[in-house]
Amino acid sequence: MRCVIARFPFDFVMSEVQQMMSGVRPEPAVGPCVVIGRRTYPVKQVGEVITRQDRRDFTALEVTRALTRLGFTCVTHSAVPAPTTDPLD
């Protein structure tokens, strides 16, 4: 699939992205993230690996759109876990 990230065109295939990310240790999942295999990666980390560009050159939204179009599941993780409430209180 052809996509543009930071004004540069790229042709990606889902299996190609999975192969590029195999062996890469995920950074802490905060903000926009993508699930690849059984791991959750920040989209900026994935964008940096697959495009070989500095992560300041593109937005998380650009990478999220591309990965979603490829068929990956994108989620948003918050920095602070949501408080749990007991419904019986």
PDB file of N, CA and C in Angstrom:
ATOM      1  N   MET A   1       0.839  -1.162   0.000  1.00  0.00           N
ATOM      2  CA  MET A   1       0.000   0.000   0.000  1.00  0.00           C
ATOM      3  C   MET A   1       0.893   1.237   0.000  1.00  0.00           C
ATOM      4  N   ARG A   2       0.552   2.172  -0.796  1.00  0.00           N
ATOM      5  CA  ARG A   2       1.322   3.408  -0.893  1.00  0.00           C
ATOM      6  C   ARG A   2       0.772   4.429   0.099  1.00  0.00           C
ATOM      7  N   CYS A   3       1.692   5.055   0.852  1.00  0.00           N
ATOM      8  CA  CYS A   3       1.295   6.103   1.776  1.00  0.00           C
ATOM      9  C   CYS A   3       2.384   7.163   1.820  1.00  0.00           C
ATOM     10  N   VAL A   4       2.023   8.337   2.283  1.00  0.00           N
ATOM     11  CA  VAL A   4       2.964   9.444   2.383  1.00  0.00           C
ATOM     12  C   VAL A   4       3.145   9.781   3.855  1.00  0.00           C
ATOM     13  N   ILE A   5       4.392   9.750   4.301  1.00  0.00           N
ATOM     14  CA  ILE A   5       4.730  10.099   5.671  1.00  0.00           C
ATOM     15  C   ILE A   5       5.842  11.126   5.601  1.00  0.00           C
ATOM     16  N   ALA A   6       5.624  12.280   6.195  1.00  0.00           N
ATOM     17  CA  ALA A   6       6.589  13.386   6.187  1.00  0.00           C
ATOM     18  C   ALA A   6       6.971  13.767   4.760  1.00  0.00           C
ATOM     19  N   ARG A   7       5.966  13.840   3.902  1.00  0.00           N
ATOM     20  CA  ARG A   7       6.111  14.238   2.496  1.00  0.00           C
ATOM     21  C   ARG A   7       6.927  13.267   1.643  1.00  0.00           C
ATOM     22  N   PHE A   8       7.198  12.051   2.149  1.00  0.00           N
ATOM     23  CA  PHE A   8       7.914  11.049   1.373  1.00  0.00           C
ATOM     24  C   PHE A   8       6.996   9.860   1.124  1.00  0.00           C
ATOM     25  N   PRO A   9       6.934   9.365  -0.116  1.00  0.00           N
ATOM     26  CA  PRO A   9       6.078   8.212  -0.407  1.00  0.00           C
ATOM     27  C   PRO A   9       6.746   6.899   0.020  1.00  0.00           C
ATOM     28  N   PHE A  10       5.946   5.998   0.559  1.00  0.00           N
ATOM     29  CA  PHE A  10       6.416   4.683   0.975  1.00  0.00           C
ATOM     30  C   PHE A  10       5.422   3.637   0.488  1.00  0.00           C
ATOM     31  N   ASP A  11       5.928   2.462   0.162  1.00  0.00           N
ATOM     32  CA  ASP A  11       5.095   1.308  -0.178  1.00  0.00           C
ATOM     33  C   ASP A  11       5.293   0.268   0.913  1.00  0.00           C
ATOM     34  N   PHE A  12       4.247   0.023   1.695  1.00  0.00           N
ATOM     35  CA  PHE A  12       4.336  -0.923   2.800  1.00  0.00           C
ATOM     36  C   PHE A  12       3.371  -2.069   2.601  1.00  0.00           C
ATOM     37  N   VAL A  13       3.738  -3.227   3.141  1.00  0.00           N
ATOM     38  CA  VAL A  13       2.890  -4.404   3.206  1.00  0.00           C
ATOM     39  C   VAL A  13       2.882  -4.832   4.667  1.00  0.00           C
ATOM     40  N   MET A  14       1.772  -5.332   5.146  1.00  0.00           N
ATOM     41  CA  MET A  14       1.634  -5.692   6.552  1.00  0.00           C
ATOM     42  C   MET A  14       2.753  -6.631   7.010  1.00  0.00           C
ATOM     43  N   SER A  15       3.042  -7.664   6.241  1.00  0.00           N
ATOM     44  CA  SER A  15       4.078  -8.625   6.633  1.00  0.00           C
ATOM     45  C   SER A  15       5.461  -7.979   6.682  1.00  0.00           C
ATOM     46  N   GLU A  16       5.677  -6.995   5.828  1.00  0.00           N
ATOM     47  CA  GLU A  16       6.955  -6.278   5.808  1.00  0.00           C
ATOM     48  C   GLU A  16       7.140  -5.473   7.101  1.00  0.00           C
ATOM     49  N   VAL A  17       6.088  -4.813   7.547  1.00  0.00           N
ATOM     50  CA  VAL A  17       6.142  -4.041   8.788  1.00  0.00           C
ATOM     51  C   VAL A  17       6.360  -4.984   9.970  1.00  0.00           C
ATOM     52  N   GLN A  18       5.681  -6.128   9.978  1.00  0.00           N
ATOM     53  CA  GLN A  18       5.851  -7.102  11.047  1.00  0.00           C
ATOM     54  C   GLN A  18       7.287  -7.598  11.102  1.00  0.00           C
ATOM     55  N   GLN A  19       7.870  -7.855   9.952  1.00  0.00           N
ATOM     56  CA  GLN A  19       9.248  -8.321   9.893  1.00  0.00           C
ATOM     57  C   GLN A  19      10.217  -7.240  10.385  1.00  0.00           C
ATOM     58  N   MET A  20       9.992  -5.984   9.992  1.00  0.00           N
ATOM     59  CA  MET A  20      10.861  -4.893  10.436  1.00  0.00           C
ATOM     60  C   MET A  20      10.802  -4.710  11.951  1.00  0.00           C
ATOM     61  N   MET A  21       9.649  -4.945  12.542  1.00  0.00           N
ATOM     62  CA  MET A  21       9.480  -4.722  13.979  1.00  0.00           C
ATOM     63  C   MET A  21       9.839  -5.948  14.809  1.00  0.00           C
ATOM     64  N   SER A  22      10.062  -7.100  14.187  1.00  0.00           N
ATOM     65  CA  SER A  22      10.453  -8.271  14.968  1.00  0.00           C
ATOM     66  C   SER A  22      11.846  -8.033  15.545  1.00  0.00           C
ATOM     67  N   GLY A  23      11.978  -8.322  16.800  1.00  0.00           N
ATOM     68  CA  GLY A  23      13.254  -8.109  17.468  1.00  0.00           C
ATOM     69  C   GLY A  23      13.438  -6.717  18.036  1.00  0.00           C
ATOM     70  N   VAL A  24      12.479  -5.816  17.799  1.00  0.00           N
ATOM     71  CA  VAL A  24      12.550  -4.458  18.342  1.00  0.00           C
ATOM     72  C   VAL A  24      11.800  -4.446  19.669  1.00  0.00           C
ATOM     73  N   ARG A  25      12.473  -4.018  20.713  1.00  0.00           N
ATOM     74  CA  ARG A  25      11.861  -3.959  22.039  1.00  0.00           C
ATOM     75  C   ARG A  25      10.933  -2.739  22.110  1.00  0.00           C
ATOM     76  N   PRO A  26       9.662  -2.946  22.480  1.00  0.00           N
ATOM     77  CA  PRO A  26       8.732  -1.814  22.548  1.00  0.00           C
ATOM     78  C   PRO A  26       9.076  -0.850  23.679  1.00  0.00           C
ATOM     79  N   GLU A  27       8.946   0.423  23.389  1.00  0.00           N
ATOM     80  CA  GLU A  27       9.087   1.456  24.407  1.00  0.00           C
ATOM     81  C   GLU A  27       7.800   1.470  25.227  1.00  0.00           C
ATOM     82  N   PRO A  28       7.795   2.151  26.378  1.00  0.00           N
ATOM     83  CA  PRO A  28       6.552   2.222  27.168  1.00  0.00           C
ATOM     84  C   PRO A  28       5.394   2.764  26.317  1.00  0.00           C
ATOM     85  N   ALA A  29       4.268   2.092  26.409  1.00  0.00           N
ATOM     86  CA  ALA A  29       3.096   2.436  25.600  1.00  0.00           C
ATOM     87  C   ALA A  29       2.357   3.612  26.214  1.00  0.00           C
ATOM     88  N   VAL A  30       2.576   4.796  25.634  1.00  0.00           N
ATOM     89  CA  VAL A  30       1.899   6.015  26.077  1.00  0.00           C
ATOM     90  C   VAL A  30       1.442   6.766  24.835  1.00  0.00           C
ATOM     91  N   GLY A  31       0.190   7.192  24.828  1.00  0.00           N
ATOM     92  CA  GLY A  31      -0.330   7.918  23.674  1.00  0.00           C
ATOM     93  C   GLY A  31      -0.765   6.969  22.568  1.00  0.00           C
ATOM     94  N   PRO A  32      -0.687   7.401  21.309  1.00  0.00           N
ATOM     95  CA  PRO A  32      -1.108   6.555  20.196  1.00  0.00           C
ATOM     96  C   PRO A  32      -0.171   5.353  20.054  1.00  0.00           C
ATOM     97  N   CYS A  33      -0.760   4.165  20.025  1.00  0.00           N
ATOM     98  CA  CYS A  33       0.023   2.933  19.939  1.00  0.00           C
ATOM     99  C   CYS A  33      -0.577   2.006  18.884  1.00  0.00           C
ATOM    100  N   VAL A  34       0.221   1.029  18.471  1.00  0.00           N
ATOM    101  CA  VAL A  34      -0.217   0.048  17.489  1.00  0.00           C
ATOM    102  C   VAL A  34       0.132  -1.338  18.008  1.00  0.00           C
ATOM    103  N   VAL A  35      -0.767  -2.284  17.776  1.00  0.00           N
ATOM    104  CA  VAL A  35      -0.539  -3.667  18.190  1.00  0.00           C
ATOM    105  C   VAL A  35       0.024  -4.419  16.988  1.00  0.00           C
ATOM    106  N   ILE A  36       1.246  -4.928  17.156  1.00  0.00           N
ATOM    107  CA  ILE A  36       1.898  -5.725  16.115  1.00  0.00           C
ATOM    108  C   ILE A  36       2.258  -7.053  16.752  1.00  0.00           C
ATOM    109  N   GLY A  37       1.603  -8.109  16.291  1.00  0.00           N
ATOM    110  CA  GLY A  37       1.778  -9.413  16.927  1.00  0.00           C
ATOM    111  C   GLY A  37       1.162  -9.367  18.310  1.00  0.00           C
ATOM    112  N   ARG A  38       1.962  -9.710  19.318  1.00  0.00           N
ATOM    113  CA  ARG A  38       1.474  -9.663  20.695  1.00  0.00           C
ATOM    114  C   ARG A  38       2.035  -8.469  21.452  1.00  0.00           C
ATOM    115  N   ARG A  39       2.689  -7.554  20.752  1.00  0.00           N
ATOM    116  CA  ARG A  39       3.307  -6.400  21.400  1.00  0.00           C
ATOM    117  C   ARG A  39       2.607  -5.107  21.011  1.00  0.00           C
ATOM    118  N   THR A  40       2.665  -4.145  21.916  1.00  0.00           N
ATOM    119  CA  THR A  40       2.096  -2.828  21.664  1.00  0.00           C
ATOM    120  C   THR A  40       3.230  -1.822  21.610  1.00  0.00           C
ATOM    121  N   TYR A  41       3.345  -1.137  20.477  1.00  0.00           N
ATOM    122  CA  TYR A  41       4.408  -0.166  20.247  1.00  0.00           C
ATOM    123  C   TYR A  41       3.819   1.233  20.109  1.00  0.00           C
ATOM    124  N   PRO A  42       4.530   2.262  20.580  1.00  0.00           N
ATOM    125  CA  PRO A  42       4.121   3.628  20.255  1.00  0.00           C
ATOM    126  C   PRO A  42       4.249   3.840  18.740  1.00  0.00           C
ATOM    127  N   VAL A  43       3.291   4.512  18.122  1.00  0.00           N
ATOM    128  CA  VAL A  43       3.325   4.677  16.669  1.00  0.00           C
ATOM    129  C   VAL A  43       4.551   5.465  16.203  1.00  0.00           C
ATOM    130  N   LYS A  44       5.048   6.378  17.027  1.00  0.00           N
ATOM    131  CA  LYS A  44       6.242   7.136  16.651  1.00  0.00           C
ATOM    132  C   LYS A  44       7.454   6.210  16.557  1.00  0.00           C
ATOM    133  N   GLN A  45       7.557   5.222  17.441  1.00  0.00           N
ATOM    134  CA  GLN A  45       8.654   4.263  17.385  1.00  0.00           C
ATOM    135  C   GLN A  45       8.567   3.431  16.108  1.00  0.00           C
ATOM    136  N   VAL A  46       7.368   2.967  15.784  1.00  0.00           N
ATOM    137  CA  VAL A  46       7.178   2.179  14.570  1.00  0.00           C
ATOM    138  C   VAL A  46       7.492   3.028  13.343  1.00  0.00           C
ATOM    139  N   GLY A  47       7.004   4.266  13.328  1.00  0.00           N
ATOM    140  CA  GLY A  47       7.280   5.157  12.202  1.00  0.00           C
ATOM    141  C   GLY A  47       8.764   5.374  11.994  1.00  0.00           C
ATOM    142  N   GLU A  48       9.495   5.520  13.084  1.00  0.00           N
ATOM    143  CA  GLU A  48      10.941   5.731  12.990  1.00  0.00           C
ATOM    144  C   GLU A  48      11.638   4.506  12.404  1.00  0.00           C
ATOM    145  N   VAL A  49      11.201   3.322  12.807  1.00  0.00           N
ATOM    146  CA  VAL A  49      11.828   2.086  12.322  1.00  0.00           C
ATOM    147  C   VAL A  49      11.499   1.841  10.850  1.00  0.00           C
ATOM    148  N   ILE A  50      10.235   1.979  10.476  1.00  0.00           N
ATOM    149  CA  ILE A  50       9.852   1.610   9.106  1.00  0.00           C
ATOM    150  C   ILE A  50      10.218   2.662   8.064  1.00  0.00           C
ATOM    151  N   THR A  51      10.322   3.933   8.471  1.00  0.00           N
ATOM    152  CA  THR A  51      10.666   4.974   7.497  1.00  0.00           C
ATOM    153  C   THR A  51      12.135   5.365   7.552  1.00  0.00           C
ATOM    154  N   ARG A  52      12.812   4.986   8.630  1.00  0.00           N
ATOM    155  CA  ARG A  52      14.211   5.365   8.854  1.00  0.00           C
ATOM    156  C   ARG A  52      14.384   6.882   8.914  1.00  0.00           C
ATOM    157  N   GLN A  53      13.365   7.552   9.425  1.00  0.00           N
ATOM    158  CA  GLN A  53      13.403   8.998   9.605  1.00  0.00           C
ATOM    159  C   GLN A  53      13.369   9.312  11.089  1.00  0.00           C
ATOM    160  N   ASP A  54      13.804  10.501  11.439  1.00  0.00           N
ATOM    161  CA  ASP A  54      13.713  10.956  12.817  1.00  0.00           C
ATOM    162  C   ASP A  54      12.243  11.142  13.165  1.00  0.00           C
ATOM    163  N   ARG A  55      11.844  10.768  14.350  1.00  0.00           N
ATOM    164  CA  ARG A  55      10.422  10.841  14.709  1.00  0.00           C
ATOM    165  C   ARG A  55       9.897  12.268  14.821  1.00  0.00           C
ATOM    166  N   ARG A  56      10.774  13.244  14.823  1.00  0.00           N
ATOM    167  CA  ARG A  56      10.320  14.637  14.818  1.00  0.00           C
ATOM    168  C   ARG A  56       9.881  15.084  13.425  1.00  0.00           C
ATOM    169  N   ASP A  57      10.177  14.281  12.397  1.00  0.00           N
ATOM    170  CA  ASP A  57       9.850  14.640  11.016  1.00  0.00           C
ATOM    171  C   ASP A  57       8.415  14.304  10.618  1.00  0.00           C
ATOM    172  N   PHE A  58       7.711  13.513  11.415  1.00  0.00           N
ATOM    173  CA  PHE A  58       6.342  13.115  11.058  1.00  0.00           C
ATOM    174  C   PHE A  58       5.466  13.156  12.291  1.00  0.00           C
ATOM    175  N   THR A  59       4.164  13.105  12.066  1.00  0.00           N
ATOM    176  CA  THR A  59       3.221  13.119  13.181  1.00  0.00           C
ATOM    177  C   THR A  59       2.741  11.696  13.478  1.00  0.00           C
ATOM    178  N   ALA A  60       2.256  11.508  14.686  1.00  0.00           N
ATOM    179  CA  ALA A  60       1.699  10.209  15.065  1.00  0.00           C
ATOM    180  C   ALA A  60       0.470   9.900  14.215  1.00  0.00           C
ATOM    181  N   LEU A  61      -0.273  10.934  13.838  1.00  0.00           N
ATOM    182  CA  LEU A  61      -1.478  10.735  13.032  1.00  0.00           C
ATOM    183  C   LEU A  61      -1.138  10.162  11.654  1.00  0.00           C
ATOM    184  N   GLU A  62      -0.062  10.646  11.033  1.00  0.00           N
ATOM    185  CA  GLU A  62       0.346  10.127   9.721  1.00  0.00           C
ATOM    186  C   GLU A  62       0.628   8.631   9.789  1.00  0.00           C
ATOM    187  N   VAL A  63       1.361   8.223  10.810  1.00  0.00           N
ATOM    188  CA  VAL A  63       1.729   6.818  10.951  1.00  0.00           C
ATOM    189  C   VAL A  63       0.507   5.986  11.336  1.00  0.00           C
ATOM    190  N   THR A  64      -0.334   6.527  12.208  1.00  0.00           N
ATOM    191  CA  THR A  64      -1.547   5.820  12.615  1.00  0.00           C
ATOM    192  C   THR A  64      -2.445   5.546  11.412  1.00  0.00           C
ATOM    193  N   ARG A  65      -2.630   6.537  10.568  1.00  0.00           N
ATOM    194  CA  ARG A  65      -3.453   6.344   9.354  1.00  0.00           C
ATOM    195  C   ARG A  65      -2.878   5.253   8.460  1.00  0.00           C
ATOM    196  N   ALA A  66      -1.563   5.294   8.241  1.00  0.00           N
ATOM    197  CA  ALA A  66      -0.921   4.302   7.373  1.00  0.00           C
ATOM    198  C   ALA A  66      -1.061   2.898   7.959  1.00  0.00           C
ATOM    199  N   LEU A  67      -0.806   2.754   9.258  1.00  0.00           N
ATOM    200  CA  LEU A  67      -0.877   1.435   9.886  1.00  0.00           C
ATOM    201  C   LEU A  67      -2.307   0.908   9.939  1.00  0.00           C
ATOM    202  N   THR A  68      -3.274   1.788  10.139  1.00  0.00           N
ATOM    203  CA  THR A  68      -4.680   1.380  10.131  1.00  0.00           C
ATOM    204  C   THR A  68      -5.085   0.889   8.747  1.00  0.00           C
ATOM    205  N   ARG A  69      -4.652   1.593   7.719  1.00  0.00           N
ATOM    206  CA  ARG A  69      -4.959   1.174   6.342  1.00  0.00           C
ATOM    207  C   ARG A  69      -4.315  -0.165   6.003  1.00  0.00           C
ATOM    208  N   LEU A  70      -3.185  -0.477   6.652  1.00  0.00           N
ATOM    209  CA  LEU A  70      -2.531  -1.766   6.442  1.00  0.00           C
ATOM    210  C   LEU A  70      -3.243  -2.900   7.173  1.00  0.00           C
ATOM    211  N   GLY A  71      -4.092  -2.560   8.143  1.00  0.00           N
ATOM    212  CA  GLY A  71      -4.842  -3.582   8.866  1.00  0.00           C
ATOM    213  C   GLY A  71      -4.421  -3.784  10.304  1.00  0.00           C
ATOM    214  N   PHE A  72      -3.526  -2.938  10.817  1.00  0.00           N
ATOM    215  CA  PHE A  72      -3.112  -3.034  12.212  1.00  0.00           C
ATOM    216  C   PHE A  72      -4.137  -2.368  13.117  1.00  0.00           C
ATOM    217  N   THR A  73      -4.178  -2.808  14.363  1.00  0.00           N
ATOM    218  CA  THR A  73      -5.058  -2.217  15.357  1.00  0.00           C
ATOM    219  C   THR A  73      -4.309  -1.112  16.081  1.00  0.00           C
ATOM    220  N   CYS A  74      -4.854   0.092  16.035  1.00  0.00           N
ATOM    221  CA  CYS A  74      -4.246   1.234  16.716  1.00  0.00           C
ATOM    222  C   CYS A  74      -5.112   1.604  17.911  1.00  0.00           C
ATOM    223  N   VAL A  75      -4.452   1.871  19.042  1.00  0.00           N
ATOM    224  CA  VAL A  75      -5.138   2.207  20.286  1.00  0.00           C
ATOM    225  C   VAL A  75      -4.457   3.418  20.908  1.00  0.00           C
ATOM    226  N   THR A  76      -5.084   3.986  21.931  1.00  0.00           N
ATOM    227  CA  THR A  76      -4.483   5.090  22.663  1.00  0.00           C
ATOM    228  C   THR A  76      -4.334   4.679  24.119  1.00  0.00           C
ATOM    229  N   HIS A  77      -3.103   4.769  24.618  1.00  0.00           N
ATOM    230  CA  HIS A  77      -2.821   4.464  26.021  1.00  0.00           C
ATOM    231  C   HIS A  77      -2.572   5.770  26.751  1.00  0.00           C
ATOM    232  N   SER A  78      -3.135   5.884  27.944  1.00  0.00           N
ATOM    233  CA  SER A  78      -2.905   7.091  28.735  1.00  0.00           C
ATOM    234  C   SER A  78      -1.685   6.895  29.625  1.00  0.00           C
ATOM    235  N   ALA A  79      -1.081   7.998  30.034  1.00  0.00           N
ATOM    236  CA  ALA A  79       0.112   7.943  30.877  1.00  0.00           C
ATOM    237  C   ALA A  79      -0.236   7.444  32.277  1.00  0.00           C
ATOM    238  N   VAL A  80      -1.435   7.769  32.738  1.00  0.00           N
ATOM    239  CA  VAL A  80      -1.869   7.359  34.066  1.00  0.00           C
ATOM    240  C   VAL A  80      -3.014   6.373  33.895  1.00  0.00           C
ATOM    241  N   PRO A  81      -2.922   5.194  34.521  1.00  0.00           N
ATOM    242  CA  PRO A  81      -4.019   4.239  34.377  1.00  0.00           C
ATOM    243  C   PRO A  81      -5.319   4.791  34.965  1.00  0.00           C
ATOM    244  N   ALA A  82      -6.407   4.431  34.348  1.00  0.00           N
ATOM    245  CA  ALA A  82      -7.718   4.889  34.814  1.00  0.00           C
ATOM    246  C   ALA A  82      -7.990   4.310  36.196  1.00  0.00           C
ATOM    247  N   PRO A  83      -8.551   5.121  37.085  1.00  0.00           N
ATOM    248  CA  PRO A  83      -8.834   4.607  38.438  1.00  0.00           C
ATOM    249  C   PRO A  83      -9.956   3.573  38.387  1.00  0.00           C
ATOM    250  N   THR A  84      -9.790   2.569  39.185  1.00  0.00           N
ATOM    251  CA  THR A  84     -10.839   1.544  39.242  1.00  0.00           C
ATOM    252  C   THR A  84     -11.819   1.918  40.338  1.00  0.00           C
ATOM    253  N   THR A  85     -13.073   1.743  40.070  1.00  0.00           N
ATOM    254  CA  THR A  85     -14.093   2.049  41.068  1.00  0.00           C
ATOM    255  C   THR A  85     -14.859   0.785  41.388  1.00  0.00           C
ATOM    256  N   ASP A  86     -15.198   0.645  42.606  1.00  0.00           N
ATOM    257  CA  ASP A  86     -15.977  -0.507  43.050  1.00  0.00           C
ATOM    258  C   ASP A  86     -17.451  -0.121  42.989  1.00  0.00           C
ATOM    259  N   PRO A  87     -18.256  -0.810  42.168  1.00  0.00           N
ATOM    260  CA  PRO A  87     -19.669  -0.413  42.028  1.00  0.00           C
ATOM    261  C   PRO A  87     -20.462  -0.613  43.318  1.00  0.00           C
ATOM    262  N   LEU A  88     -19.920  -1.325  44.285  1.00  0.00           N
ATOM    263  CA  LEU A  88     -20.653  -1.561  45.541  1.00  0.00           C
ATOM    264  C   LEU A  88     -20.404  -0.465  46.572  1.00  0.00           C
ATOM    265  N   ASP A  89     -19.484   0.475  46.306  1.00  0.00           N
ATOM    266  CA  ASP A  89     -19.213   1.559  47.263  1.00  0.00           C
ATOM    267  C   ASP A  89     -20.261   2.620  47.212  1.00  0.00           C
TER     268      ASP A  89
END
